[in-house]
């Protein structure tokens, strides 16, 4: 064994494993580890064409199974993975002159998510817009509508077939920032797109959400990476890979027990019931507030302070007397506005969904260990989700680097192998 070691050492001394040799052998000279095989690589100097598409043209959230599923169009006689989009005139020209050095990227118009369209093929001649193919074109138009985009004229749609769509990893993620996992995909995506988050057209972006306290780490005010979560059939809840960068507001984290939440939503529901009752019985101030879209619980409190509610009116909506109504309104509560702010359709829905977070726990509902964080964030100005996930990426984009000669023997290999070495470093 000692002779064998001596022979190996002698051979290495005579024939050192240089950076160039490491690269040829499939090792990264920077760290000595094997170079990951990436199925799709965009080389330096490649022409990149980015076209906006409806997010639902790419994928759709399956609520029943709590996971994202690719949402390709397909036709048995044409292709199984079809995408349609409506490029502008300049993009049509670029598509017409595309060559093997042109790479097509598709960007979700509502979320800013970016995918590489792997090996795209123009199939317009195979699948022209006519009576036979009309159903698939109608399905494409529906994806525009469902995603909150104004659909183009059907004749303007361009169909392509792809081998795959793979998310493009971000190179600007600051991994030192705190992360917060948002377990509900609809609420996560509603931070950038109310339509995709099922909050309706014209609704504001979601700026608050509720998470269960599962560790000693408590979210803090300041920069944060919100991570969208989905369910894996084998691993359970897991990171989707998509995330949003934003800020948690100053004093933007409140922690409550489940017992408190149940009490606060119950009181709020009682206050709302009285307020609606007064509207229905014709109380003028409450009717005006309802017409103007005001918070009815707040309007009820103001009417009480102004002395505009009489005892008979209080009794007409189920209260024992005016004093009972005043005591009810003095209690702390969540309002329907709070429920909407945190992404719930109603106070009752808020109570049920938050309670359901703890169904897997054996602790009683009133346990002080059942804690919930209410997190308020700054509005996300730009619809830009980023992809960042541990493990081997499916796409590598090699950035263009201006040629330069680096000094020093430790960098000599980079000068010798040129772009290939830069690609490995990236």
Foldseek 3Di string as FASTA:
>chain_A
DVVVVVVVVVVCVVPPCDCLNCVVVQAQPVPRHGFDDFQAEQAAPFAEAEDEAAPLCAWAADVVQFDIDGRAQDDPVAARGKGKDFDDPVSVVCVVPDDPSYWYWYAHPQFRWIKTQAPKDFCCVVQPDDPVNVVSLVVRQVSCVLRVHDGDPSNRMTMIGGPDIFTDFDPPDDPVAAEDEDAHQLLQSLLRPVSSSVVDPPDARAFKAKDWDDDPDDDAWFKYKYFYWGQDPVPGIDTPQKIDIFTFHHVFKDKDALVVLLVQLVLQVVLVLLLVLLCVVPQPQSVVCVVVVHFSSVSVVVCVVVVNAAQVSSVSSPAPGVVRSVVSSVDHHDHQVNCVNHPHNGSVRVSVVLVVVCPPPPDDRPDPSGMMMMIGTDRDPDSHMGGDDDDDGNYHYQYHDDDDDDDDPSCVVCVVPPSVSSSSVD
